[in-house]
Amino acid sequence: MRPFQLLSALAIFINLEAVEAAAYWDCDGTEIPERNVRAAVVLAFNYRKESFHGYPATFIIGSTFSGVGEVRQFPVEDSDANWQGGAVKYYILTNKRGSYLEVFSSVGSGNECTFVEG
């Protein structure tokens, strides 16, 4: 492969990666970037239970979700910042692996948010 062909291939790959990064959760018209949600998953299990402004809250899901294990609730922001305390507008429910992941809004009607692929 010639150098200019390699550069073209890299440019295409980078553009595809950027499209993938555009995924988000739609919470009644408010977009929560997927990267924020994934960061909240990590934070939910990096903090000890209820050690950060009362979060993460912990639940054990019953037999309906067998194999999910411990589920934690942690706030997530619609901006580029991680939640630092205060009012909780959006939150996640997740297990440690992130194989169970839901995002909810606590404003307005308090609906479950919908994942939108980029």
PDB file of N, CA and C in Angstrom:
ATOM      1  N   MET A   1       0.847  -1.168   0.000  1.00  0.00           N
ATOM      2  CA  MET A   1       0.000   0.000   0.000  1.00  0.00           C
ATOM      3  C   MET A   1       0.898   1.238   0.000  1.00  0.00           C
ATOM      4  N   ARG A   2       0.589   2.162  -0.856  1.00  0.00           N
ATOM      5  CA  ARG A   2       1.371   3.391  -0.949  1.00  0.00           C
ATOM      6  C   ARG A   2       0.993   4.335   0.194  1.00  0.00           C
ATOM      7  N   PRO A   3       1.912   5.217   0.574  1.00  0.00           N
ATOM      8  CA  PRO A   3       1.638   6.121   1.702  1.00  0.00           C
ATOM      9  C   PRO A   3       0.352   6.926   1.550  1.00  0.00           C
ATOM     10  N   PHE A   4       0.072   7.447   0.355  1.00  0.00           N
ATOM     11  CA  PHE A   4      -1.145   8.249   0.197  1.00  0.00           C
ATOM     12  C   PHE A   4      -2.396   7.381   0.343  1.00  0.00           C
ATOM     13  N   GLN A   5      -2.307   6.089  -0.041  1.00  0.00           N
ATOM     14  CA  GLN A   5      -3.440   5.184   0.137  1.00  0.00           C
ATOM     15  C   GLN A   5      -3.658   4.893   1.615  1.00  0.00           C
ATOM     16  N   LEU A   6      -2.575   4.752   2.338  1.00  0.00           N
ATOM     17  CA  LEU A   6      -2.669   4.510   3.774  1.00  0.00           C
ATOM     18  C   LEU A   6      -3.324   5.694   4.474  1.00  0.00           C
ATOM     19  N   LEU A   7      -2.940   6.899   4.093  1.00  0.00           N
ATOM     20  CA  LEU A   7      -3.546   8.092   4.689  1.00  0.00           C
ATOM     21  C   LEU A   7      -5.045   8.150   4.409  1.00  0.00           C
ATOM     22  N   SER A   8      -5.445   7.792   3.204  1.00  0.00           N
ATOM     23  CA  SER A   8      -6.872   7.779   2.866  1.00  0.00           C
ATOM     24  C   SER A   8      -7.619   6.753   3.705  1.00  0.00           C
ATOM     25  N   ALA A   9      -7.019   5.584   3.858  1.00  0.00           N
ATOM     26  CA  ALA A   9      -7.644   4.535   4.664  1.00  0.00           C
ATOM     27  C   ALA A   9      -7.776   4.979   6.116  1.00  0.00           C
ATOM     28  N   LEU A  10      -6.753   5.623   6.650  1.00  0.00           N
ATOM     29  CA  LEU A  10      -6.811   6.126   8.025  1.00  0.00           C
ATOM     30  C   LEU A  10      -7.889   7.193   8.173  1.00  0.00           C
ATOM     31  N   ALA A  11      -7.998   8.076   7.201  1.00  0.00           N
ATOM     32  CA  ALA A  11      -9.015   9.128   7.260  1.00  0.00           C
ATOM     33  C   ALA A  11     -10.413   8.526   7.284  1.00  0.00           C
ATOM     34  N   ILE A  12     -10.644   7.503   6.482  1.00  0.00           N
ATOM     35  CA  ILE A  12     -11.948   6.832   6.475  1.00  0.00           C
ATOM     36  C   ILE A  12     -12.210   6.181   7.820  1.00  0.00           C
ATOM     37  N   PHE A  13     -11.207   5.499   8.380  1.00  0.00           N
ATOM     38  CA  PHE A  13     -11.364   4.850   9.674  1.00  0.00           C
ATOM     39  C   PHE A  13     -11.685   5.873  10.760  1.00  0.00           C
ATOM     40  N   ILE A  14     -10.979   6.987  10.774  1.00  0.00           N
ATOM     41  CA  ILE A  14     -11.216   8.027  11.780  1.00  0.00           C
ATOM     42  C   ILE A  14     -12.626   8.589  11.639  1.00  0.00           C
ATOM     43  N   ASN A  15     -13.088   8.789  10.417  1.00  0.00           N
ATOM     44  CA  ASN A  15     -14.447   9.282  10.207  1.00  0.00           C
ATOM     45  C   ASN A  15     -15.478   8.279  10.691  1.00  0.00           C
ATOM     46  N   LEU A  16     -15.259   7.005  10.453  1.00  0.00           N
ATOM     47  CA  LEU A  16     -16.174   5.979  10.947  1.00  0.00           C
ATOM     48  C   LEU A  16     -16.196   5.969  12.462  1.00  0.00           C
ATOM     49  N   GLU A  17     -15.041   6.138  13.079  1.00  0.00           N
ATOM     50  CA  GLU A  17     -14.954   6.167  14.532  1.00  0.00           C
ATOM     51  C   GLU A  17     -15.720   7.367  15.087  1.00  0.00           C
ATOM     52  N   ALA A  18     -15.638   8.502  14.423  1.00  0.00           N
ATOM     53  CA  ALA A  18     -16.353   9.704  14.863  1.00  0.00           C
ATOM     54  C   ALA A  18     -17.859   9.503  14.779  1.00  0.00           C
ATOM     55  N   VAL A  19     -18.330   8.799  13.749  1.00  0.00           N
ATOM     56  CA  VAL A  19     -19.756   8.520  13.623  1.00  0.00           C
ATOM     57  C   VAL A  19     -20.217   7.646  14.777  1.00  0.00           C
ATOM     58  N   GLU A  20     -19.422   6.645  15.120  1.00  0.00           N
ATOM     59  CA  GLU A  20     -19.777   5.763  16.224  1.00  0.00           C
ATOM     60  C   GLU A  20     -19.869   6.541  17.532  1.00  0.00           C
ATOM     61  N   ALA A  21     -19.009   7.521  17.721  1.00  0.00           N
ATOM     62  CA  ALA A  21     -18.981   8.293  18.955  1.00  0.00           C
ATOM     63  C   ALA A  21     -20.196   9.197  19.102  1.00  0.00           C
ATOM     64  N   ALA A  22     -20.991   9.348  18.053  1.00  0.00           N
ATOM     65  CA  ALA A  22     -22.141  10.240  18.101  1.00  0.00           C
ATOM     66  C   ALA A  22     -23.370   9.589  18.731  1.00  0.00           C
ATOM     67  N   ALA A  23     -23.271   8.365  19.227  1.00  0.00           N
ATOM     68  CA  ALA A  23     -24.410   7.707  19.860  1.00  0.00           C
ATOM     69  C   ALA A  23     -24.800   8.477  21.121  1.00  0.00           C
ATOM     70  N   TYR A  24     -26.104   8.448  21.437  1.00  0.00           N
ATOM     71  CA  TYR A  24     -26.582   9.166  22.618  1.00  0.00           C
ATOM     72  C   TYR A  24     -27.866   8.523  23.142  1.00  0.00           C
ATOM     73  N   TRP A  25     -28.283   8.959  24.312  1.00  0.00           N
ATOM     74  CA  TRP A  25     -29.545   8.544  24.914  1.00  0.00           C
ATOM     75  C   TRP A  25     -30.500   9.725  24.825  1.00  0.00           C
ATOM     76  N   ASP A  26     -31.678   9.499  24.283  1.00  0.00           N
ATOM     77  CA  ASP A  26     -32.686  10.547  24.142  1.00  0.00           C
ATOM     78  C   ASP A  26     -33.612  10.516  25.349  1.00  0.00           C
ATOM     79  N   CYS A  27     -33.563  11.578  26.143  1.00  0.00           N
ATOM     80  CA  CYS A  27     -34.395  11.694  27.343  1.00  0.00           C
ATOM     81  C   CYS A  27     -35.394  12.825  27.129  1.00  0.00           C
ATOM     82  N   ASP A  28     -36.519  12.506  26.529  1.00  0.00           N
ATOM     83  CA  ASP A  28     -37.555  13.502  26.241  1.00  0.00           C
ATOM     84  C   ASP A  28     -36.998  14.706  25.494  1.00  0.00           C
ATOM     85  N   GLY A  29     -36.166  14.454  24.493  1.00  0.00           N
ATOM     86  CA  GLY A  29     -35.611  15.519  23.673  1.00  0.00           C
ATOM     87  C   GLY A  29     -34.248  16.024  24.114  1.00  0.00           C
ATOM     88  N   THR A  30     -33.799  15.630  25.292  1.00  0.00           N
ATOM     89  CA  THR A  30     -32.460  15.997  25.757  1.00  0.00           C
ATOM     90  C   THR A  30     -31.513  14.858  25.434  1.00  0.00           C
ATOM     91  N   GLU A  31     -30.386  15.180  24.820  1.00  0.00           N
ATOM     92  CA  GLU A  31     -29.411  14.159  24.434  1.00  0.00           C
ATOM     93  C   GLU A  31     -28.352  13.986  25.517  1.00  0.00           C
ATOM     94  N   ILE A  32     -28.202  12.749  25.980  1.00  0.00           N
ATOM     95  CA  ILE A  32     -27.142  12.385  26.918  1.00  0.00           C
ATOM     96  C   ILE A  32     -26.108  11.611  26.105  1.00  0.00           C
ATOM     97  N   PRO A  33     -24.909  12.155  25.897  1.00  0.00           N
ATOM     98  CA  PRO A  33     -23.904  11.446  25.093  1.00  0.00           C
ATOM     99  C   PRO A  33     -23.563  10.074  25.678  1.00  0.00           C
ATOM    100  N   GLU A  34     -23.411   9.095  24.822  1.00  0.00           N
ATOM    101  CA  GLU A  34     -23.074   7.732  25.249  1.00  0.00           C
ATOM    102  C   GLU A  34     -21.781   7.720  26.057  1.00  0.00           C
ATOM    103  N   ARG A  35     -20.811   8.565  25.722  1.00  0.00           N
ATOM    104  CA  ARG A  35     -19.555   8.599  26.479  1.00  0.00           C
ATOM    105  C   ARG A  35     -19.812   9.004  27.932  1.00  0.00           C
ATOM    106  N   ASN A  36     -20.788   9.895  28.182  1.00  0.00           N
ATOM    107  CA  ASN A  36     -21.138  10.278  29.553  1.00  0.00           C
ATOM    108  C   ASN A  36     -21.747   9.102  30.303  1.00  0.00           C
ATOM    109  N   VAL A  37     -22.599   8.358  29.616  1.00  0.00           N
ATOM    110  CA  VAL A  37     -23.247   7.202  30.237  1.00  0.00           C
ATOM    111  C   VAL A  37     -22.197   6.150  30.586  1.00  0.00           C
ATOM    112  N   ARG A  38     -21.268   5.876  29.672  1.00  0.00           N
ATOM    113  CA  ARG A  38     -20.213   4.887  29.941  1.00  0.00           C
ATOM    114  C   ARG A  38     -19.303   5.346  31.079  1.00  0.00           C
ATOM    115  N   ALA A  39     -19.038   6.646  31.173  1.00  0.00           N
ATOM    116  CA  ALA A  39     -18.237   7.169  32.288  1.00  0.00           C
ATOM    117  C   ALA A  39     -18.982   6.981  33.604  1.00  0.00           C
ATOM    118  N   ALA A  40     -20.298   7.175  33.599  1.00  0.00           N
ATOM    119  CA  ALA A  40     -21.100   6.981  34.808  1.00  0.00           C
ATOM    120  C   ALA A  40     -21.116   5.518  35.236  1.00  0.00           C
ATOM    121  N   VAL A  41     -21.091   4.590  34.273  1.00  0.00           N
ATOM    122  CA  VAL A  41     -21.011   3.156  34.599  1.00  0.00           C
ATOM    123  C   VAL A  41     -19.739   2.881  35.391  1.00  0.00           C
ATOM    124  N   VAL A  42     -18.634   3.425  34.929  1.00  0.00           N
ATOM    125  CA  VAL A  42     -17.349   3.228  35.616  1.00  0.00           C
ATOM    126  C   VAL A  42     -17.393   3.848  37.005  1.00  0.00           C
ATOM    127  N   LEU A  43     -17.891   5.073  37.104  1.00  0.00           N
ATOM    128  CA  LEU A  43     -17.950   5.753  38.400  1.00  0.00           C
ATOM    129  C   LEU A  43     -18.863   5.030  39.380  1.00  0.00           C
ATOM    130  N   ALA A  44     -19.941   4.444  38.887  1.00  0.00           N
ATOM    131  CA  ALA A  44     -20.881   3.738  39.758  1.00  0.00           C
ATOM    132  C   ALA A  44     -20.210   2.600  40.510  1.00  0.00           C
ATOM    133  N   PHE A  45     -19.174   2.024  39.928  1.00  0.00           N
ATOM    134  CA  PHE A  45     -18.492   0.914  40.597  1.00  0.00           C
ATOM    135  C   PHE A  45     -17.117   1.295  41.130  1.00  0.00           C
ATOM    136  N   ASN A  46     -16.640   2.501  40.839  1.00  0.00           N
ATOM    137  CA  ASN A  46     -15.381   2.956  41.431  1.00  0.00           C
ATOM    138  C   ASN A  46     -15.589   3.540  42.820  1.00  0.00           C
ATOM    139  N   TYR A  47     -16.758   4.117  43.068  1.00  0.00           N
ATOM    140  CA  TYR A  47     -17.069   4.665  44.391  1.00  0.00           C
ATOM    141  C   TYR A  47     -17.658   3.576  45.276  1.00  0.00           C
ATOM    142  N   ARG A  48     -17.345   3.658  46.576  1.00  0.00           N
ATOM    143  CA  ARG A  48     -18.011   2.775  47.539  1.00  0.00           C
ATOM    144  C   ARG A  48     -19.483   3.172  47.603  1.00  0.00           C
ATOM    145  N   LYS A  49     -20.323   2.249  47.991  1.00  0.00           N
ATOM    146  CA  LYS A  49     -21.760   2.499  48.064  1.00  0.00           C
ATOM    147  C   LYS A  49     -22.045   3.742  48.907  1.00  0.00           C
ATOM    148  N   GLU A  50     -22.841   4.636  48.349  1.00  0.00           N
ATOM    149  CA  GLU A  50     -23.321   5.861  48.993  1.00  0.00           C
ATOM    150  C   GLU A  50     -22.208   6.773  49.503  1.00  0.00           C
ATOM    151  N   SER A  51     -21.006   6.684  48.932  1.00  0.00           N
ATOM    152  CA  SER A  51     -19.875   7.482  49.414  1.00  0.00           C
ATOM    153  C   SER A  51     -19.717   8.820  48.689  1.00  0.00           C
ATOM    154  N   PHE A  52     -20.428   9.039  47.588  1.00  0.00           N
ATOM    155  CA  PHE A  52     -20.298  10.268  46.809  1.00  0.00           C
ATOM    156  C   PHE A  52     -21.665  10.938  46.737  1.00  0.00           C
ATOM    157  N   HIS A  53     -21.932  11.870  47.654  1.00  0.00           N
ATOM    158  CA  HIS A  53     -23.218  12.575  47.732  1.00  0.00           C
ATOM    159  C   HIS A  53     -24.394  11.591  47.800  1.00  0.00           C
ATOM    160  N   GLY A  54     -24.204  10.478  48.510  1.00  0.00           N
ATOM    161  CA  GLY A  54     -25.262   9.480  48.652  1.00  0.00           C
ATOM    162  C   GLY A  54     -25.346   8.461  47.526  1.00  0.00           C
ATOM    163  N   TYR A  55     -24.468   8.574  46.564  1.00  0.00           N
ATOM    164  CA  TYR A  55     -24.435   7.629  45.439  1.00  0.00           C
ATOM    165  C   TYR A  55     -23.113   6.886  45.445  1.00  0.00           C
ATOM    166  N   PRO A  56     -23.006   5.758  44.821  1.00  0.00           N
ATOM    167  CA  PRO A  56     -24.051   5.033  44.101  1.00  0.00           C
ATOM    168  C   PRO A  56     -24.982   4.287  45.054  1.00  0.00           C
ATOM    169  N   ALA A  57     -26.252   4.295  44.705  1.00  0.00           N
ATOM    170  CA  ALA A  57     -27.228   3.476  45.405  1.00  0.00           C
ATOM    171  C   ALA A  57     -27.133   2.071  44.820  1.00  0.00           C
ATOM    172  N   THR A  58     -27.394   1.068  45.645  1.00  0.00           N
ATOM    173  CA  THR A  58     -27.212  -0.318  45.211  1.00  0.00           C
ATOM    174  C   THR A  58     -28.508  -1.103  45.336  1.00  0.00           C
ATOM    175  N   PHE A  59     -28.758  -1.947  44.347  1.00  0.00           N
ATOM    176  CA  PHE A  59     -29.929  -2.813  44.322  1.00  0.00           C
ATOM    177  C   PHE A  59     -29.492  -4.213  43.923  1.00  0.00           C
ATOM    178  N   ILE A  60     -30.230  -5.195  44.377  1.00  0.00           N
ATOM    179  CA  ILE A  60     -30.042  -6.564  43.900  1.00  0.00           C
ATOM    180  C   ILE A  60     -31.296  -6.894  43.101  1.00  0.00           C
ATOM    181  N   ILE A  61     -31.106  -7.176  41.833  1.00  0.00           N
ATOM    182  CA  ILE A  61     -32.238  -7.483  40.963  1.00  0.00           C
ATOM    183  C   ILE A  61     -32.625  -8.940  41.161  1.00  0.00           C
ATOM    184  N   GLY A  62     -33.922  -9.185  41.288  1.00  0.00           N
ATOM    185  CA  GLY A  62     -34.424 -10.529  41.544  1.00  0.00           C
ATOM    186  C   GLY A  62     -34.315 -11.462  40.359  1.00  0.00           C
ATOM    187  N   SER A  63     -35.056 -12.548  40.426  1.00  0.00           N
ATOM    188  CA  SER A  63     -34.948 -13.619  39.444  1.00  0.00           C
ATOM    189  C   SER A  63     -35.338 -13.182  38.032  1.00  0.00           C
ATOM    190  N   THR A  64     -36.093 -12.092  37.903  1.00  0.00           N
ATOM    191  CA  THR A  64     -36.473 -11.614  36.573  1.00  0.00           C
ATOM    192  C   THR A  64     -35.244 -11.315  35.729  1.00  0.00           C
ATOM    193  N   PHE A  65     -34.192 -10.826  36.368  1.00  0.00           N
ATOM    194  CA  PHE A  65     -32.956 -10.483  35.674  1.00  0.00           C
ATOM    195  C   PHE A  65     -31.830 -11.396  36.141  1.00  0.00           C
ATOM    196  N   SER A  66     -32.070 -12.689  36.189  1.00  0.00           N
ATOM    197  CA  SER A  66     -31.042 -13.594  36.694  1.00  0.00           C
ATOM    198  C   SER A  66     -29.751 -13.422  35.907  1.00  0.00           C
ATOM    199  N   GLY A  67     -28.663 -13.430  36.634  1.00  0.00           N
ATOM    200  CA  GLY A  67     -27.363 -13.265  36.017  1.00  0.00           C
ATOM    201  C   GLY A  67     -26.894 -11.820  35.941  1.00  0.00           C
ATOM    202  N   VAL A  68     -27.767 -10.877  36.255  1.00  0.00           N
ATOM    203  CA  VAL A  68     -27.388  -9.467  36.210  1.00  0.00           C
ATOM    204  C   VAL A  68     -26.554  -9.103  37.427  1.00  0.00           C
ATOM    205  N   GLY A  69     -26.922  -9.654  38.593  1.00  0.00           N
ATOM    206  CA  GLY A  69     -26.168  -9.382  39.815  1.00  0.00           C
ATOM    207  C   GLY A  69     -26.498  -8.029  40.408  1.00  0.00           C
ATOM    208  N   GLU A  70     -25.507  -7.435  41.054  1.00  0.00           N
ATOM    209  CA  GLU A  70     -25.698  -6.149  41.711  1.00  0.00           C
ATOM    210  C   GLU A  70     -25.885  -5.043  40.675  1.00  0.00           C
ATOM    211  N   VAL A  71     -26.879  -4.212  40.910  1.00  0.00           N
ATOM    212  CA  VAL A  71     -27.156  -3.082  40.031  1.00  0.00           C
ATOM    213  C   VAL A  71     -27.001  -1.809  40.846  1.00  0.00           C
ATOM    214  N   ARG A  72     -26.324  -0.833  40.259  1.00  0.00           N
ATOM    215  CA  ARG A  72     -26.116   0.439  40.943  1.00  0.00           C
ATOM    216  C   ARG A  72     -26.756   1.576  40.161  1.00  0.00           C
ATOM    217  N   GLN A  73     -27.197   2.563  40.928  1.00  0.00           N
ATOM    218  CA  GLN A  73     -27.766   3.780  40.356  1.00  0.00           C
ATOM    219  C   GLN A  73     -26.751   4.898  40.535  1.00  0.00           C
ATOM    220  N   PHE A  74     -26.525   5.677  39.463  1.00  0.00           N
ATOM    221  CA  PHE A  74     -25.575   6.783  39.540  1.00  0.00           C
ATOM    222  C   PHE A  74     -26.029   7.890  38.597  1.00  0.00           C
ATOM    223  N   PRO A  75     -25.915   9.149  39.027  1.00  0.00           N
ATOM    224  CA  PRO A  75     -26.324  10.270  38.171  1.00  0.00           C
ATOM    225  C   PRO A  75     -25.434  10.425  36.942  1.00  0.00           C
ATOM    226  N   VAL A  76     -26.014  10.968  35.891  1.00  0.00           N
ATOM    227  CA  VAL A  76     -25.278  11.262  34.660  1.00  0.00           C
ATOM    228  C   VAL A  76     -25.730  12.639  34.176  1.00  0.00           C
ATOM    229  N   GLU A  77     -24.815  13.379  33.581  1.00  0.00           N
ATOM    230  CA  GLU A  77     -25.103  14.738  33.105  1.00  0.00           C
ATOM    231  C   GLU A  77     -25.326  14.756  31.594  1.00  0.00           C
ATOM    232  N   ASP A  78     -26.062  15.762  31.140  1.00  0.00           N
ATOM    233  CA  ASP A  78     -26.256  15.946  29.704  1.00  0.00           C
ATOM    234  C   ASP A  78     -25.184  16.852  29.105  1.00  0.00           C
ATOM    235  N   SER A  79     -24.283  17.366  29.940  1.00  0.00           N
ATOM    236  CA  SER A  79     -23.170  18.187  29.457  1.00  0.00           C
ATOM    237  C   SER A  79     -21.918  17.315  29.373  1.00  0.00           C
ATOM    238  N   ASP A  80     -20.780  17.922  29.108  1.00  0.00           N
ATOM    239  CA  ASP A  80     -19.533  17.158  29.022  1.00  0.00           C
ATOM    240  C   ASP A  80     -18.924  16.851  30.385  1.00  0.00           C
ATOM    241  N   ALA A  81     -19.501  17.366  31.449  1.00  0.00           N
ATOM    242  CA  ALA A  81     -18.946  17.164  32.790  1.00  0.00           C
ATOM    243  C   ALA A  81     -19.596  15.964  33.473  1.00  0.00           C
ATOM    244  N   ASN A  82     -18.874  15.359  34.401  1.00  0.00           N
ATOM    245  CA  ASN A  82     -19.453  14.327  35.252  1.00  0.00           C
ATOM    246  C   ASN A  82     -20.236  15.007  36.367  1.00  0.00           C
ATOM    247  N   TRP A  83     -21.237  14.334  36.891  1.00  0.00           N
ATOM    248  CA  TRP A  83     -22.058  14.872  37.971  1.00  0.00           C
ATOM    249  C   TRP A  83     -21.195  15.091  39.204  1.00  0.00           C
ATOM    250  N   GLN A  84     -21.345  16.269  39.829  1.00  0.00           N
ATOM    251  CA  GLN A  84     -20.535  16.618  40.995  1.00  0.00           C
ATOM    252  C   GLN A  84     -21.380  16.914  42.226  1.00  0.00           C
ATOM    253  N   GLY A  85     -22.602  16.457  42.259  1.00  0.00           N
ATOM    254  CA  GLY A  85     -23.497  16.721  43.380  1.00  0.00           C
ATOM    255  C   GLY A  85     -24.618  17.649  42.938  1.00  0.00           C
ATOM    256  N   GLY A  86     -25.580  17.835  43.819  1.00  0.00           N
ATOM    257  CA  GLY A  86     -26.719  18.696  43.494  1.00  0.00           C
ATOM    258  C   GLY A  86     -27.875  17.900  42.925  1.00  0.00           C
ATOM    259  N   ALA A  87     -28.756  18.620  42.249  1.00  0.00           N
ATOM    260  CA  ALA A  87     -29.958  17.995  41.692  1.00  0.00           C
ATOM    261  C   ALA A  87     -29.592  16.924  40.667  1.00  0.00           C
ATOM    262  N   VAL A  88     -30.351  15.844  40.694  1.00  0.00           N
ATOM    263  CA  VAL A  88     -30.137  14.742  39.752  1.00  0.00           C
ATOM    264  C   VAL A  88     -31.234  14.810  38.698  1.00  0.00           C
ATOM    265  N   LYS A  89     -30.830  15.138  37.463  1.00  0.00           N
ATOM    266  CA  LYS A  89     -31.801  15.204  36.365  1.00  0.00           C
ATOM    267  C   LYS A  89     -31.882  13.888  35.603  1.00  0.00           C
ATOM    268  N   TYR A  90     -30.747  13.189  35.519  1.00  0.00           N
ATOM    269  CA  TYR A  90     -30.687  11.934  34.771  1.00  0.00           C
ATOM    270  C   TYR A  90     -29.828  10.958  35.559  1.00  0.00           C
ATOM    271  N   TYR A  91     -30.174   9.677  35.465  1.00  0.00           N
ATOM    272  CA  TYR A  91     -29.383   8.675  36.169  1.00  0.00           C
ATOM    273  C   TYR A  91     -29.388   7.365  35.405  1.00  0.00           C
ATOM    274  N   ILE A  92     -28.391   6.538  35.728  1.00  0.00           N
ATOM    275  CA  ILE A  92     -28.282   5.221  35.105  1.00  0.00           C
ATOM    276  C   ILE A  92     -28.579   4.149  36.137  1.00  0.00           C
ATOM    277  N   LEU A  93     -29.006   3.009  35.664  1.00  0.00           N
ATOM    278  CA  LEU A  93     -29.032   1.760  36.420  1.00  0.00           C
ATOM    279  C   LEU A  93     -28.163   0.805  35.629  1.00  0.00           C
ATOM    280  N   THR A  94     -27.162   0.215  36.274  1.00  0.00           N
ATOM    281  CA  THR A  94     -26.232  -0.635  35.536  1.00  0.00           C
ATOM    282  C   THR A  94     -25.645  -1.710  36.435  1.00  0.00           C
ATOM    283  N   ASN A  95     -25.212  -2.795  35.816  1.00  0.00           N
ATOM    284  CA  ASN A  95     -24.389  -3.753  36.541  1.00  0.00           C
ATOM    285  C   ASN A  95     -22.931  -3.444  36.219  1.00  0.00           C
ATOM    286  N   LYS A  96     -22.031  -4.137  36.866  1.00  0.00           N
ATOM    287  CA  LYS A  96     -20.609  -3.808  36.735  1.00  0.00           C
ATOM    288  C   LYS A  96     -20.097  -3.957  35.305  1.00  0.00           C
ATOM    289  N   ARG A  97     -20.556  -4.969  34.605  1.00  0.00           N
ATOM    290  CA  ARG A  97     -20.099  -5.204  33.227  1.00  0.00           C
ATOM    291  C   ARG A  97     -20.730  -4.242  32.227  1.00  0.00           C
ATOM    292  N   GLY A  98     -21.811  -3.580  32.641  1.00  0.00           N
ATOM    293  CA  GLY A  98     -22.520  -2.704  31.708  1.00  0.00           C
ATOM    294  C   GLY A  98     -23.419  -3.471  30.758  1.00  0.00           C
ATOM    295  N   SER A  99     -23.567  -4.796  30.975  1.00  0.00           N
ATOM    296  CA  SER A  99     -24.441  -5.584  30.103  1.00  0.00           C
ATOM    297  C   SER A  99     -25.911  -5.276  30.387  1.00  0.00           C
ATOM    298  N   TYR A 100     -26.199  -4.835  31.596  1.00  0.00           N
ATOM    299  CA  TYR A 100     -27.527  -4.303  31.914  1.00  0.00           C
ATOM    300  C   TYR A 100     -27.339  -2.804  32.104  1.00  0.00           C
ATOM    301  N   LEU A 101     -27.962  -1.991  31.277  1.00  0.00           N
ATOM    302  CA  LEU A 101     -27.788  -0.545  31.345  1.00  0.00           C
ATOM    303  C   LEU A 101     -29.061   0.146  30.898  1.00  0.00           C
ATOM    304  N   GLU A 102     -29.604   0.965  31.775  1.00  0.00           N
ATOM    305  CA  GLU A 102     -30.777   1.776  31.465  1.00  0.00           C
ATOM    306  C   GLU A 102     -30.488   3.204  31.905  1.00  0.00           C
ATOM    307  N   VAL A 103     -31.047   4.169  31.203  1.00  0.00           N
ATOM    308  CA  VAL A 103     -30.909   5.582  31.550  1.00  0.00           C
ATOM    309  C   VAL A 103     -32.312   6.134  31.761  1.00  0.00           C
ATOM    310  N   PHE A 104     -32.470   6.922  32.830  1.00  0.00           N
ATOM    311  CA  PHE A 104     -33.769   7.484  33.176  1.00  0.00           C
ATOM    312  C   PHE A 104     -33.661   8.985  33.388  1.00  0.00           C
ATOM    313  N   SER A 105     -34.767   9.664  33.152  1.00  0.00           N
ATOM    314  CA  SER A 105     -34.881  11.091  33.435  1.00  0.00           C
ATOM    315  C   SER A 105     -35.680  11.245  34.718  1.00  0.00           C
ATOM    316  N   SER A 106     -35.238  12.129  35.598  1.00  0.00           N
ATOM    317  CA  SER A 106     -36.018  12.400  36.805  1.00  0.00           C
ATOM    318  C   SER A 106     -36.694  13.767  36.706  1.00  0.00           C
ATOM    319  N   VAL A 107     -36.697  14.358  35.518  1.00  0.00           N
ATOM    320  CA  VAL A 107     -37.394  15.623  35.283  1.00  0.00           C
ATOM    321  C   VAL A 107     -38.631  15.353  34.434  1.00  0.00           C
ATOM    322  N   GLY A 108     -39.577  16.237  34.509  1.00  0.00           N
ATOM    323  CA  GLY A 108     -40.796  16.064  33.723  1.00  0.00           C
ATOM    324  C   GLY A 108     -41.540  14.814  34.143  1.00  0.00           C
ATOM    325  N   SER A 109     -41.832  13.968  33.176  1.00  0.00           N
ATOM    326  CA  SER A 109     -42.591  12.749  33.459  1.00  0.00           C
ATOM    327  C   SER A 109     -41.724  11.615  33.981  1.00  0.00           C
ATOM    328  N   GLY A 110     -40.406  11.807  34.020  1.00  0.00           N
ATOM    329  CA  GLY A 110     -39.514  10.790  34.579  1.00  0.00           C
ATOM    330  C   GLY A 110     -39.444   9.520  33.759  1.00  0.00           C
ATOM    331  N   ASN A 111     -39.397   9.649  32.469  1.00  0.00           N
ATOM    332  CA  ASN A 111     -39.404   8.493  31.573  1.00  0.00           C
ATOM    333  C   ASN A 111     -38.050   7.813  31.462  1.00  0.00           C
ATOM    334  N   GLU A 112     -38.101   6.583  30.970  1.00  0.00           N
ATOM    335  CA  GLU A 112     -36.888   5.876  30.582  1.00  0.00           C
ATOM    336  C   GLU A 112     -36.405   6.489  29.272  1.00  0.00           C
ATOM    337  N   CYS A 113     -35.105   6.645  29.150  1.00  0.00           N
ATOM    338  CA  CYS A 113     -34.518   7.244  27.949  1.00  0.00           C
ATOM    339  C   CYS A 113     -34.285   6.168  26.890  1.00  0.00           C
ATOM    340  N   THR A 114     -34.198   6.590  25.646  1.00  0.00           N
ATOM    341  CA  THR A 114     -34.040   5.686  24.512  1.00  0.00           C
ATOM    342  C   THR A 114     -32.652   5.835  23.911  1.00  0.00           C
ATOM    343  N   PHE A 115     -31.983   4.698  23.656  1.00  0.00           N
ATOM    344  CA  PHE A 115     -30.661   4.733  23.043  1.00  0.00           C
ATOM    345  C   PHE A 115     -30.795   4.990  21.547  1.00  0.00           C
ATOM    346  N   VAL A 116     -29.991   5.932  21.039  1.00  0.00           N
ATOM    347  CA  VAL A 116     -29.989   6.276  19.616  1.00  0.00           C
ATOM    348  C   VAL A 116     -28.573   6.085  19.096  1.00  0.00           C
ATOM    349  N   GLU A 117     -28.417   5.188  18.126  1.00  0.00           N
ATOM    350  CA  GLU A 117     -27.089   4.958  17.555  1.00  0.00           C
ATOM    351  C   GLU A 117     -26.731   6.091  16.618  1.00  0.00           C
ATOM    352  N   GLY A 118     -25.430   6.435  16.617  1.00  0.00           N
ATOM    353  CA  GLY A 118     -24.977   7.557  15.797  1.00  0.00           C
ATOM    354  C   GLY A 118     -24.757   7.203  14.364  1.00  0.00           C
TER     355      GLY A 118
END
